[in-house]
């Protein structure tokens, strides 16, 4: 029983740390996406875009 509990706890920690890493990756992607979008919006060509 004790062994099972510690295994479950370890797996939970693994999943949690993976989720945190995924969240960091997602945040990084969102930053890049926002930067790209704002560059497009403020580029000199933006007045050619149909809004």
N, C-alpha and C. Protein backbone atom coordinates (compact mmCIF):
# COMPACT_ATOMS: atom_id res chain seq x y z
N UNK A 1 0.84 -1.20 0.00
CA UNK A 1 0.00 0.00 0.00
C UNK A 1 0.87 1.25 0.00
N UNK A 2 1.84 1.27 0.89
CA UNK A 2 2.76 2.42 0.99
C UNK A 2 3.48 2.65 -0.33
N UNK A 3 3.93 1.54 -0.91
CA UNK A 3 4.67 1.62 -2.18
C UNK A 3 3.79 2.19 -3.29
N UNK A 4 2.55 1.73 -3.33
CA UNK A 4 1.60 2.19 -4.33
C UNK A 4 1.37 3.70 -4.19
N UNK A 5 1.22 4.16 -2.96
CA UNK A 5 0.98 5.57 -2.71
C UNK A 5 2.15 6.41 -3.20
N UNK A 6 3.35 5.96 -2.92
CA UNK A 6 4.51 6.75 -3.33
C UNK A 6 4.66 6.75 -4.85
N UNK A 7 4.28 5.64 -5.49
CA UNK A 7 4.34 5.59 -6.95
C UNK A 7 3.33 6.56 -7.56
N UNK A 8 2.13 6.55 -7.00
CA UNK A 8 1.09 7.47 -7.48
C UNK A 8 1.57 8.91 -7.29
N UNK A 9 2.16 9.19 -6.14
CA UNK A 9 2.65 10.54 -5.86
C UNK A 9 3.73 10.95 -6.87
N UNK A 10 4.62 10.01 -7.17
CA UNK A 10 5.69 10.28 -8.16
C UNK A 10 5.10 10.58 -9.52
N UNK A 11 4.13 9.75 -9.92
CA UNK A 11 3.49 9.96 -11.23
C UNK A 11 2.79 11.31 -11.27
N UNK A 12 2.14 11.66 -10.17
CA UNK A 12 1.45 12.94 -10.10
C UNK A 12 2.46 14.08 -10.26
N UNK A 13 3.59 13.95 -9.59
CA UNK A 13 4.63 14.98 -9.70
C UNK A 13 5.16 15.08 -11.13
N UNK A 14 5.33 13.93 -11.77
CA UNK A 14 5.78 13.91 -13.16
C UNK A 14 4.81 14.66 -14.06
N UNK A 15 3.55 14.33 -13.91
CA UNK A 15 2.52 14.97 -14.73
C UNK A 15 2.50 16.47 -14.47
N UNK A 16 2.62 16.84 -13.20
CA UNK A 16 2.58 18.25 -12.84
C UNK A 16 3.76 19.00 -13.45
N UNK A 17 4.94 18.42 -13.37
CA UNK A 17 6.10 19.12 -13.92
C UNK A 17 6.03 19.20 -15.44
N UNK A 18 5.48 18.16 -16.06
CA UNK A 18 5.29 18.20 -17.51
C UNK A 18 4.30 19.30 -17.90
N UNK A 19 3.23 19.42 -17.11
CA UNK A 19 2.24 20.45 -17.39
C UNK A 19 2.85 21.84 -17.24
N UNK A 20 3.71 22.01 -16.24
CA UNK A 20 4.36 23.30 -16.04
C UNK A 20 5.27 23.62 -17.23
N UNK A 21 5.99 22.62 -17.71
CA UNK A 21 6.85 22.82 -18.88
C UNK A 21 6.01 23.19 -20.09
N UNK A 22 4.90 22.48 -20.29
CA UNK A 22 4.00 22.78 -21.40
C UNK A 22 3.47 24.20 -21.29
N UNK A 23 3.14 24.61 -20.06
CA UNK A 23 2.61 25.95 -19.85
C UNK A 23 3.67 26.99 -20.23
N UNK A 24 4.93 26.71 -19.86
CA UNK A 24 6.02 27.63 -20.21
C UNK A 24 6.17 27.72 -21.72
N UNK A 25 6.11 26.57 -22.40
CA UNK A 25 6.19 26.55 -23.86
C UNK A 25 5.05 27.36 -24.46
N UNK A 26 3.87 27.17 -23.91
CA UNK A 26 2.70 27.87 -24.41
C UNK A 26 2.85 29.38 -24.23
N UNK A 27 3.34 29.78 -23.05
CA UNK A 27 3.55 31.21 -22.80
C UNK A 27 4.54 31.78 -23.79
N UNK A 28 5.60 31.02 -24.07
CA UNK A 28 6.62 31.46 -25.02
C UNK A 28 6.01 31.62 -26.41
N UNK A 29 5.21 30.64 -26.82
CA UNK A 29 4.54 30.72 -28.12
C UNK A 29 3.62 31.93 -28.20
N UNK A 30 2.88 32.17 -27.13
CA UNK A 30 1.95 33.30 -27.11
C UNK A 30 2.71 34.61 -27.23
N UNK A 31 3.86 34.71 -26.55
CA UNK A 31 4.68 35.93 -26.65
C UNK A 31 5.11 36.15 -28.09
N UNK A 32 5.60 35.08 -28.71
CA UNK A 32 6.06 35.18 -30.10
C UNK A 32 4.90 35.56 -31.02
N UNK A 33 3.75 34.95 -30.78
CA UNK A 33 2.57 35.21 -31.60
C UNK A 33 2.15 36.68 -31.46
N UNK A 34 2.10 37.16 -30.21
CA UNK A 34 1.70 38.55 -29.98
C UNK A 34 2.68 39.50 -30.63
N UNK A 35 3.97 39.19 -30.53
CA UNK A 35 4.99 40.04 -31.14
C UNK A 35 4.80 40.07 -32.65
N UNK A 36 4.55 38.91 -33.24
CA UNK A 36 4.36 38.83 -34.69
C UNK A 36 3.12 39.60 -35.11
N UNK A 37 2.05 39.45 -34.35
CA UNK A 37 0.80 40.15 -34.68
C UNK A 37 0.99 41.65 -34.56
N UNK A 38 1.66 42.10 -33.52
CA UNK A 38 1.82 43.55 -33.36
C UNK A 38 2.74 44.11 -34.43
N UNK A 39 3.71 43.33 -34.89
CA UNK A 39 4.57 43.79 -35.98
C UNK A 39 3.75 43.97 -37.25
N UNK A 40 2.86 43.04 -37.51
CA UNK A 40 2.01 43.12 -38.71
C UNK A 40 1.10 44.34 -38.59
N UNK A 41 0.51 44.53 -37.42
CA UNK A 41 -0.43 45.63 -37.24
C UNK A 41 0.24 46.99 -37.40
N UNK A 42 1.47 47.11 -36.96
CA UNK A 42 2.12 48.41 -36.98
C UNK A 42 3.11 48.56 -38.12
N UNK A 43 3.13 47.59 -39.03
CA UNK A 43 4.04 47.72 -40.15
C UNK A 43 3.50 48.75 -41.14
N UNK A 44 4.38 49.36 -41.93
CA UNK A 44 3.92 50.36 -42.90
C UNK A 44 2.93 49.79 -43.91
N UNK A 45 2.94 48.49 -44.09
CA UNK A 45 2.03 47.87 -45.05
C UNK A 45 0.63 47.70 -44.49
N UNK A 46 0.46 47.95 -43.20
CA UNK A 46 -0.82 47.62 -42.57
C UNK A 46 -1.98 48.39 -43.17
N UNK A 47 -1.75 49.57 -43.76
CA UNK A 47 -2.88 50.31 -44.33
C UNK A 47 -3.39 49.67 -45.61
N UNK A 48 -2.65 48.67 -46.13
CA UNK A 48 -3.15 47.93 -47.30
C UNK A 48 -4.10 46.81 -46.88
N UNK A 49 -4.04 46.44 -45.59
CA UNK A 49 -4.91 45.37 -45.11
C UNK A 49 -6.33 45.89 -45.00
N UNK A 50 -7.29 45.07 -45.33
CA UNK A 50 -8.69 45.45 -45.20
C UNK A 50 -9.14 45.10 -43.79
N UNK A 51 -9.55 46.08 -43.04
CA UNK A 51 -9.97 45.85 -41.65
C UNK A 51 -11.47 45.75 -41.59
